[in-house]
Each structure stands twice: as structure tokens, then as C-alpha cells.
Amino acid sequence: LPALALFVYIDLIGYLPGAIAHRRAGGRRIPR
């Protein structure tokens, strides 16, 4: 459980929000 949490939390916080915003932006810039 800690192994999985440590692996996944990096992208849950650091990648997924930006990836979603990027896709929703439709080619426009997203916030820094």
C-alpha cells in the first residue's frame, strides 16, 4: 500500500491536473 501510494501520488498531484487542463485548454496556454 505505501509502495503504490508513493509511486502514484507524484502524478496525481504533479501530472494529472496539468494534463487535464492542457486537454481542456484546446491549444491555449494553461496557467504556470
PDB file of all heavy atoms in Angstrom:
ATOM      1  N   LEU A   1       0.827  -1.208   0.000  1.00  0.00           N
ATOM      2  CA  LEU A   1       0.000   0.000   0.000  1.00  0.00           C
ATOM      3  C   LEU A   1       0.865   1.263   0.000  1.00  0.00           C
ATOM      4  O   LEU A   1       0.662   2.150  -0.840  1.00  0.00           O
ATOM      5  CB  LEU A   1      -0.991  -0.016   1.167  1.00  0.00           C
ATOM      6  CG  LEU A   1      -2.058   1.070   1.125  1.00  0.00           C
ATOM      7  CD1 LEU A   1      -2.859   1.015  -0.174  1.00  0.00           C
ATOM      8  CD2 LEU A   1      -2.989   0.918   2.313  1.00  0.00           C
ATOM      9  N   PRO A   2       1.859   1.371   0.898  1.00  0.00           N
ATOM     10  CA  PRO A   2       2.749   2.547   0.814  1.00  0.00           C
ATOM     11  C   PRO A   2       3.518   2.608  -0.508  1.00  0.00           C
ATOM     12  O   PRO A   2       3.704   3.692  -1.068  1.00  0.00           O
ATOM     13  CB  PRO A   2       3.704   2.361   1.992  1.00  0.00           C
ATOM     14  CG  PRO A   2       2.971   1.505   2.947  1.00  0.00           C
ATOM     15  CD  PRO A   2       2.121   0.591   2.101  1.00  0.00           C
ATOM     16  N   ALA A   3       3.941   1.450  -1.029  1.00  0.00           N
ATOM     17  CA  ALA A   3       4.677   1.438  -2.299  1.00  0.00           C
ATOM     18  C   ALA A   3       3.819   2.009  -3.420  1.00  0.00           C
ATOM     19  O   ALA A   3       4.261   2.876  -4.185  1.00  0.00           O
ATOM     20  CB  ALA A   3       5.150   0.026  -2.633  1.00  0.00           C
ATOM     21  N   LEU A   4       2.589   1.553  -3.508  1.00  0.00           N
ATOM     22  CA  LEU A   4       1.679   2.041  -4.537  1.00  0.00           C
ATOM     23  C   LEU A   4       1.385   3.527  -4.348  1.00  0.00           C
ATOM     24  O   LEU A   4       1.402   4.301  -5.314  1.00  0.00           O
ATOM     25  CB  LEU A   4       0.383   1.226  -4.504  1.00  0.00           C
ATOM     26  CG  LEU A   4      -0.653   1.586  -5.566  1.00  0.00           C
ATOM     27  CD1 LEU A   4      -0.110   1.335  -6.964  1.00  0.00           C
ATOM     28  CD2 LEU A   4      -1.930   0.783  -5.337  1.00  0.00           C
ATOM     29  N   ALA A   5       1.130   3.928  -3.111  1.00  0.00           N
ATOM     30  CA  ALA A   5       0.844   5.339  -2.826  1.00  0.00           C
ATOM     31  C   ALA A   5       2.033   6.230  -3.194  1.00  0.00           C
ATOM     32  O   ALA A   5       1.849   7.291  -3.803  1.00  0.00           O
ATOM     33  CB  ALA A   5       0.485   5.516  -1.354  1.00  0.00           C
ATOM     34  N   LEU A   6       3.232   5.805  -2.843  1.00  0.00           N
ATOM     35  CA  LEU A   6       4.422   6.605  -3.151  1.00  0.00           C
ATOM     36  C   LEU A   6       4.660   6.714  -4.659  1.00  0.00           C
ATOM     37  O   LEU A   6       5.117   7.748  -5.147  1.00  0.00           O
ATOM     38  CB  LEU A   6       5.658   6.015  -2.455  1.00  0.00           C
ATOM     39  CG  LEU A   6       5.698   6.213  -0.951  1.00  0.00           C
ATOM     40  CD1 LEU A   6       6.730   5.294  -0.306  1.00  0.00           C
ATOM     41  CD2 LEU A   6       5.980   7.673  -0.604  1.00  0.00           C
ATOM     42  N   PHE A   7       4.333   5.661  -5.386  1.00  0.00           N
ATOM     43  CA  PHE A   7       4.518   5.690  -6.838  1.00  0.00           C
ATOM     44  C   PHE A   7       3.490   6.597  -7.507  1.00  0.00           C
ATOM     45  O   PHE A   7       3.817   7.396  -8.378  1.00  0.00           O
ATOM     46  CB  PHE A   7       4.424   4.277  -7.420  1.00  0.00           C
ATOM     47  CG  PHE A   7       4.761   4.223  -8.883  1.00  0.00           C
ATOM     48  CD1 PHE A   7       6.076   4.101  -9.291  1.00  0.00           C
ATOM     49  CD2 PHE A   7       3.767   4.297  -9.846  1.00  0.00           C
ATOM     50  CE1 PHE A   7       6.392   4.060 -10.641  1.00  0.00           C
ATOM     51  CE2 PHE A   7       4.076   4.256 -11.193  1.00  0.00           C
ATOM     52  CZ  PHE A   7       5.399   4.132 -11.593  1.00  0.00           C
ATOM     53  N   VAL A   8       2.237   6.503  -7.081  1.00  0.00           N
ATOM     54  CA  VAL A   8       1.131   7.165  -7.767  1.00  0.00           C
ATOM     55  C   VAL A   8       0.978   8.635  -7.384  1.00  0.00           C
ATOM     56  O   VAL A   8       0.606   9.457  -8.221  1.00  0.00           O
ATOM     57  CB  VAL A   8      -0.181   6.389  -7.495  1.00  0.00           C
ATOM     58  CG1 VAL A   8      -1.391   7.145  -7.971  1.00  0.00           C
ATOM     59  CG2 VAL A   8      -0.109   5.020  -8.158  1.00  0.00           C
ATOM     60  N   TYR A   9       1.280   8.988  -6.133  1.00  0.00           N
ATOM     61  CA  TYR A   9       0.961  10.346  -5.686  1.00  0.00           C
ATOM     62  C   TYR A   9       1.712  11.417  -6.472  1.00  0.00           C
ATOM     63  O   TYR A   9       1.213  12.533  -6.641  1.00  0.00           O
ATOM     64  CB  TYR A   9       1.188  10.484  -4.173  1.00  0.00           C
ATOM     65  CG  TYR A   9       2.483  11.123  -3.764  1.00  0.00           C
ATOM     66  CD1 TYR A   9       2.515  12.460  -3.389  1.00  0.00           C
ATOM     67  CD2 TYR A   9       3.686  10.409  -3.776  1.00  0.00           C
ATOM     68  CE1 TYR A   9       3.709  13.057  -3.010  1.00  0.00           C
ATOM     69  CE2 TYR A   9       4.856  10.998  -3.405  1.00  0.00           C
ATOM     70  CZ  TYR A   9       4.876  12.328  -3.032  1.00  0.00           C
ATOM     71  OH  TYR A   9       6.051  12.927  -2.673  1.00  0.00           O
ATOM     72  N   ILE A  10       2.881  11.084  -6.983  1.00  0.00           N
ATOM     73  CA  ILE A  10       3.664  12.059  -7.761  1.00  0.00           C
ATOM     74  C   ILE A  10       2.854  12.548  -8.954  1.00  0.00           C
ATOM     75  O   ILE A  10       2.763  13.762  -9.207  1.00  0.00           O
ATOM     76  CB  ILE A  10       5.008  11.437  -8.205  1.00  0.00           C
ATOM     77  CG1 ILE A  10       5.882  11.143  -6.994  1.00  0.00           C
ATOM     78  CG2 ILE A  10       5.729  12.353  -9.193  1.00  0.00           C
ATOM     79  CD1 ILE A  10       7.137  10.325  -7.304  1.00  0.00           C
ATOM     80  N   ASP A  11       2.249  11.627  -9.703  1.00  0.00           N
ATOM     81  CA  ASP A  11       1.470  12.022 -10.876  1.00  0.00           C
ATOM     82  C   ASP A  11       0.075  12.524 -10.525  1.00  0.00           C
ATOM     83  O   ASP A  11      -0.477  13.356 -11.246  1.00  0.00           O
ATOM     84  CB  ASP A  11       1.370  10.861 -11.864  1.00  0.00           C
ATOM     85  CG  ASP A  11       2.632  10.707 -12.699  1.00  0.00           C
ATOM     86  OD1 ASP A  11       3.450  11.647 -12.741  1.00  0.00           O
ATOM     87  OD2 ASP A  11       2.803   9.638 -13.309  1.00  0.00           O
ATOM     88  N   LEU A  12      -0.487  12.023  -9.419  1.00  0.00           N
ATOM     89  CA  LEU A  12      -1.806  12.528  -9.014  1.00  0.00           C
ATOM     90  C   LEU A  12      -1.761  14.029  -8.728  1.00  0.00           C
ATOM     91  O   LEU A  12      -2.691  14.756  -9.050  1.00  0.00           O
ATOM     92  CB  LEU A  12      -2.322  11.784  -7.782  1.00  0.00           C
ATOM     93  CG  LEU A  12      -2.853  10.384  -8.016  1.00  0.00           C
ATOM     94  CD1 LEU A  12      -3.275   9.745  -6.688  1.00  0.00           C
ATOM     95  CD2 LEU A  12      -4.025  10.388  -8.992  1.00  0.00           C
ATOM     96  N   ILE A  13      -0.667  14.471  -8.144  1.00  0.00           N
ATOM     97  CA  ILE A  13      -0.517  15.895  -7.820  1.00  0.00           C
ATOM     98  C   ILE A  13       0.206  16.643  -8.932  1.00  0.00           C
ATOM     99  O   ILE A  13      -0.165  17.755  -9.298  1.00  0.00           O
ATOM    100  CB  ILE A  13       0.247  16.067  -6.490  1.00  0.00           C
ATOM    101  CG1 ILE A  13      -0.547  15.452  -5.341  1.00  0.00           C
ATOM    102  CG2 ILE A  13       0.549  17.539  -6.218  1.00  0.00           C
ATOM    103  CD1 ILE A  13       0.226  15.347  -4.030  1.00  0.00           C
ATOM    104  N   GLY A  14       1.242  16.031  -9.496  1.00  0.00           N
ATOM    105  CA  GLY A  14       2.139  16.752 -10.391  1.00  0.00           C
ATOM    106  C   GLY A  14       1.863  16.647 -11.869  1.00  0.00           C
ATOM    107  O   GLY A  14       2.270  17.533 -12.625  1.00  0.00           O
ATOM    108  N   TYR A  15       1.188  15.593 -12.317  1.00  0.00           N
ATOM    109  CA  TYR A  15       0.959  15.450 -13.754  1.00  0.00           C
ATOM    110  C   TYR A  15      -0.512  15.540 -14.150  1.00  0.00           C
ATOM    111  O   TYR A  15      -0.868  16.308 -15.048  1.00  0.00           O
ATOM    112  CB  TYR A  15       1.543  14.130 -14.274  1.00  0.00           C
ATOM    113  CG  TYR A  15       1.194  13.887 -15.721  1.00  0.00           C
ATOM    114  CD1 TYR A  15       1.758  14.661 -16.732  1.00  0.00           C
ATOM    115  CD2 TYR A  15       0.264  12.921 -16.077  1.00  0.00           C
ATOM    116  CE1 TYR A  15       1.410  14.473 -18.057  1.00  0.00           C
ATOM    117  CE2 TYR A  15      -0.091  12.712 -17.394  1.00  0.00           C
ATOM    118  CZ  TYR A  15       0.490  13.494 -18.385  1.00  0.00           C
ATOM    119  OH  TYR A  15       0.132  13.303 -19.692  1.00  0.00           O
ATOM    120  N   LEU A  16      -1.365  14.773 -13.505  1.00  0.00           N
ATOM    121  CA  LEU A  16      -2.764  14.697 -13.944  1.00  0.00           C
ATOM    122  C   LEU A  16      -3.490  16.037 -13.995  1.00  0.00           C
ATOM    123  O   LEU A  16      -4.181  16.309 -14.981  1.00  0.00           O
ATOM    124  CB  LEU A  16      -3.538  13.695 -13.096  1.00  0.00           C
ATOM    125  CG  LEU A  16      -3.221  12.234 -13.407  1.00  0.00           C
ATOM    126  CD1 LEU A  16      -3.992  11.300 -12.474  1.00  0.00           C
ATOM    127  CD2 LEU A  16      -3.502  11.890 -14.853  1.00  0.00           C
ATOM    128  N   PRO A  17      -3.351  16.919 -12.996  1.00  0.00           N
ATOM    129  CA  PRO A  17      -4.050  18.209 -13.107  1.00  0.00           C
ATOM    130  C   PRO A  17      -3.615  19.004 -14.347  1.00  0.00           C
ATOM    131  O   PRO A  17      -4.467  19.564 -15.050  1.00  0.00           O
ATOM    132  CB  PRO A  17      -3.665  18.942 -11.820  1.00  0.00           C
ATOM    133  CG  PRO A  17      -3.325  17.853 -10.857  1.00  0.00           C
ATOM    134  CD  PRO A  17      -2.694  16.769 -11.686  1.00  0.00           C
ATOM    135  N   GLY A  18      -2.319  19.030 -14.631  1.00  0.00           N
ATOM    136  CA  GLY A  18      -1.827  19.747 -15.810  1.00  0.00           C
ATOM    137  C   GLY A  18      -2.243  19.090 -17.106  1.00  0.00           C
ATOM    138  O   GLY A  18      -2.580  19.771 -18.086  1.00  0.00           O
ATOM    139  N   ALA A  19      -2.238  17.765 -17.145  1.00  0.00           N
ATOM    140  CA  ALA A  19      -2.657  17.052 -18.351  1.00  0.00           C
ATOM    141  C   ALA A  19      -4.128  17.316 -18.657  1.00  0.00           C
ATOM    142  O   ALA A  19      -4.505  17.545 -19.812  1.00  0.00           O
ATOM    143  CB  ALA A  19      -2.396  15.560 -18.191  1.00  0.00           C
ATOM    144  N   ILE A  20      -4.951  17.312 -17.619  1.00  0.00           N
ATOM    145  CA  ILE A  20      -6.377  17.593 -17.805  1.00  0.00           C
ATOM    146  C   ILE A  20      -6.569  19.033 -18.269  1.00  0.00           C
ATOM    147  O   ILE A  20      -7.309  19.299 -19.225  1.00  0.00           O
ATOM    148  CB  ILE A  20      -7.164  17.301 -16.508  1.00  0.00           C
ATOM    149  CG1 ILE A  20      -7.167  15.797 -16.234  1.00  0.00           C
ATOM    150  CG2 ILE A  20      -8.585  17.860 -16.584  1.00  0.00           C
ATOM    151  CD1 ILE A  20      -7.637  15.410 -14.838  1.00  0.00           C
ATOM    152  N   ALA A  21      -5.894  19.977 -17.610  1.00  0.00           N
ATOM    153  CA  ALA A  21      -6.012  21.384 -18.001  1.00  0.00           C
ATOM    154  C   ALA A  21      -5.530  21.591 -19.436  1.00  0.00           C
ATOM    155  O   ALA A  21      -6.149  22.340 -20.203  1.00  0.00           O
ATOM    156  CB  ALA A  21      -5.210  22.262 -17.036  1.00  0.00           C
ATOM    157  N   HIS A  22      -4.446  20.927 -19.804  1.00  0.00           N
ATOM    158  CA  HIS A  22      -3.903  21.050 -21.159  1.00  0.00           C
ATOM    159  C   HIS A  22      -4.919  20.566 -22.193  1.00  0.00           C
ATOM    160  O   HIS A  22      -5.142  21.219 -23.212  1.00  0.00           O
ATOM    161  CB  HIS A  22      -2.596  20.254 -21.271  1.00  0.00           C
ATOM    162  CG  HIS A  22      -2.014  20.239 -22.637  1.00  0.00           C
ATOM    163  ND1 HIS A  22      -1.276  21.285 -23.133  1.00  0.00           N
ATOM    164  CD2 HIS A  22      -2.062  19.304 -23.624  1.00  0.00           C
ATOM    165  CE1 HIS A  22      -0.888  20.999 -24.361  1.00  0.00           C
ATOM    166  NE2 HIS A  22      -1.352  19.805 -24.680  1.00  0.00           N
ATOM    167  N   ARG A  23      -5.532  19.440 -21.939  1.00  0.00           N
ATOM    168  CA  ARG A  23      -6.505  18.890 -22.886  1.00  0.00           C
ATOM    169  C   ARG A  23      -7.764  19.761 -22.964  1.00  0.00           C
ATOM    170  O   ARG A  23      -8.324  19.959 -24.038  1.00  0.00           O
ATOM    171  CB  ARG A  23      -6.855  17.458 -22.518  1.00  0.00           C
ATOM    172  CG  ARG A  23      -5.761  16.501 -22.967  1.00  0.00           C
ATOM    173  CD  ARG A  23      -5.919  15.106 -22.388  1.00  0.00           C
ATOM    174  NE  ARG A  23      -4.847  14.211 -22.764  1.00  0.00           N
ATOM    175  CZ  ARG A  23      -3.617  14.212 -22.263  1.00  0.00           C
ATOM    176  NH1 ARG A  23      -3.274  15.110 -21.359  1.00  0.00           N
ATOM    177  NH2 ARG A  23      -2.702  13.346 -22.668  1.00  0.00           N
ATOM    178  N   ARG A  24      -8.173  20.301 -21.827  1.00  0.00           N
ATOM    179  CA  ARG A  24      -9.361  21.170 -21.812  1.00  0.00           C
ATOM    180  C   ARG A  24      -9.095  22.528 -22.440  1.00  0.00           C
ATOM    181  O   ARG A  24     -10.035  23.186 -22.894  1.00  0.00           O
ATOM    182  CB  ARG A  24      -9.848  21.362 -20.375  1.00  0.00           C
ATOM    183  CG  ARG A  24     -10.512  20.141 -19.807  1.00  0.00           C
ATOM    184  CD  ARG A  24     -11.045  20.409 -18.415  1.00  0.00           C
ATOM    185  NE  ARG A  24     -11.756  19.254 -17.903  1.00  0.00           N
ATOM    186  CZ  ARG A  24     -12.120  19.110 -16.653  1.00  0.00           C
ATOM    187  NH1 ARG A  24     -11.868  20.065 -15.769  1.00  0.00           N
ATOM    188  NH2 ARG A  24     -12.755  18.033 -16.267  1.00  0.00           N
ATOM    189  N   ALA A  25      -7.841  22.953 -22.463  1.00  0.00           N
ATOM    190  CA  ALA A  25      -7.498  24.280 -22.980  1.00  0.00           C
ATOM    191  C   ALA A  25      -7.632  24.361 -24.492  1.00  0.00           C
ATOM    192  O   ALA A  25      -7.668  25.472 -25.039  1.00  0.00           O
ATOM    193  CB  ALA A  25      -6.083  24.661 -22.547  1.00  0.00           C
ATOM    194  N   GLY A  26      -7.661  23.247 -25.170  1.00  0.00           N
ATOM    195  CA  GLY A  26      -7.861  23.266 -26.619  1.00  0.00           C
ATOM    196  C   GLY A  26      -6.810  24.058 -27.375  1.00  0.00           C
ATOM    197  O   GLY A  26      -7.147  24.812 -28.284  1.00  0.00           O
ATOM    198  N   GLY A  27      -5.563  23.925 -26.993  1.00  0.00           N
ATOM    199  CA  GLY A  27      -4.481  24.623 -27.700  1.00  0.00           C
ATOM    200  C   GLY A  27      -4.065  25.942 -27.070  1.00  0.00           C
ATOM    201  O   GLY A  27      -3.037  26.505 -27.437  1.00  0.00           O
ATOM    202  N   ARG A  28      -4.867  26.455 -26.138  1.00  0.00           N
ATOM    203  CA  ARG A  28      -4.485  27.686 -25.437  1.00  0.00           C
ATOM    204  C   ARG A  28      -3.493  27.347 -24.330  1.00  0.00           C
ATOM    205  O   ARG A  28      -3.424  26.215 -23.875  1.00  0.00           O
ATOM    206  CB  ARG A  28      -5.722  28.375 -24.850  1.00  0.00           C
ATOM    207  CG  ARG A  28      -6.703  28.852 -25.897  1.00  0.00           C
ATOM    208  CD  ARG A  28      -7.926  29.558 -25.291  1.00  0.00           C
ATOM    209  NE  ARG A  28      -8.488  28.926 -24.105  1.00  0.00           N
ATOM    210  CZ  ARG A  28      -9.390  27.957 -24.101  1.00  0.00           C
ATOM    211  NH1 ARG A  28      -9.850  27.477 -25.236  1.00  0.00           N
ATOM    212  NH2 ARG A  28      -9.860  27.455 -22.969  1.00  0.00           N
ATOM    213  N   ARG A  29      -2.766  28.329 -23.877  1.00  0.00           N
ATOM    214  CA  ARG A  29      -1.818  28.135 -22.770  1.00  0.00           C
ATOM    215  C   ARG A  29      -2.582  27.867 -21.479  1.00  0.00           C
ATOM    216  O   ARG A  29      -3.690  28.363 -21.287  1.00  0.00           O
ATOM    217  CB  ARG A  29      -0.944  29.383 -22.580  1.00  0.00           C
ATOM    218  CG  ARG A  29      -0.017  29.659 -23.730  1.00  0.00           C
ATOM    219  CD  ARG A  29       1.157  28.759 -23.628  1.00  0.00           C
ATOM    220  NE  ARG A  29       2.059  28.999 -24.745  1.00  0.00           N
ATOM    221  CZ  ARG A  29       3.164  28.357 -24.925  1.00  0.00           C
ATOM    222  NH1 ARG A  29       3.506  27.409 -24.080  1.00  0.00           N
ATOM    223  NH2 ARG A  29       3.927  28.594 -25.946  1.00  0.00           N
ATOM    224  N   ILE A  30      -1.955  27.093 -20.608  1.00  0.00           N
ATOM    225  CA  ILE A  30      -2.540  26.843 -19.289  1.00  0.00           C
ATOM    226  C   ILE A  30      -1.718  27.610 -18.257  1.00  0.00           C
ATOM    227  O   ILE A  30      -0.576  27.996 -18.526  1.00  0.00           O
ATOM    228  CB  ILE A  30      -2.596  25.336 -18.962  1.00  0.00           C
ATOM    229  CG1 ILE A  30      -1.194  24.722 -18.919  1.00  0.00           C
ATOM    230  CG2 ILE A  30      -3.477  24.608 -19.969  1.00  0.00           C
ATOM    231  CD1 ILE A  30      -1.159  23.279 -18.424  1.00  0.00           C
ATOM    232  N   PRO A  31      -2.268  27.859 -17.076  1.00  0.00           N
ATOM    233  CA  PRO A  31      -1.523  28.601 -16.051  1.00  0.00           C
ATOM    234  C   PRO A  31      -0.205  27.908 -15.678  1.00  0.00           C
ATOM    235  O   PRO A  31      -0.106  26.680 -15.692  1.00  0.00           O
ATOM    236  CB  PRO A  31      -2.482  28.624 -14.854  1.00  0.00           C
ATOM    237  CG  PRO A  31      -3.839  28.481 -15.457  1.00  0.00           C
ATOM    238  CD  PRO A  31      -3.651  27.581 -16.647  1.00  0.00           C
ATOM    239  N   ARG A  32       0.775  28.710 -15.336  1.00  0.00           N
ATOM    240  CA  ARG A  32       2.094  28.208 -14.948  1.00  0.00           C
ATOM    241  C   ARG A  32       2.035  27.317 -13.709  1.00  0.00           C
ATOM    242  O   ARG A  32       2.938  26.531 -13.462  1.00  0.00           O
ATOM    243  CB  ARG A  32       3.045  29.371 -14.678  1.00  0.00           C
ATOM    244  CG  ARG A  32       3.449  30.116 -15.907  1.00  0.00           C
ATOM    245  CD  ARG A  32       4.406  31.232 -15.557  1.00  0.00           C
ATOM    246  NE  ARG A  32       4.915  31.828 -16.783  1.00  0.00           N
ATOM    247  CZ  ARG A  32       5.926  32.651 -16.821  1.00  0.00           C
ATOM    248  NH1 ARG A  32       6.547  32.985 -15.700  1.00  0.00           N
ATOM    249  NH2 ARG A  32       6.338  33.155 -17.961  1.00  0.00           N
TER     250      ARG A  32
END
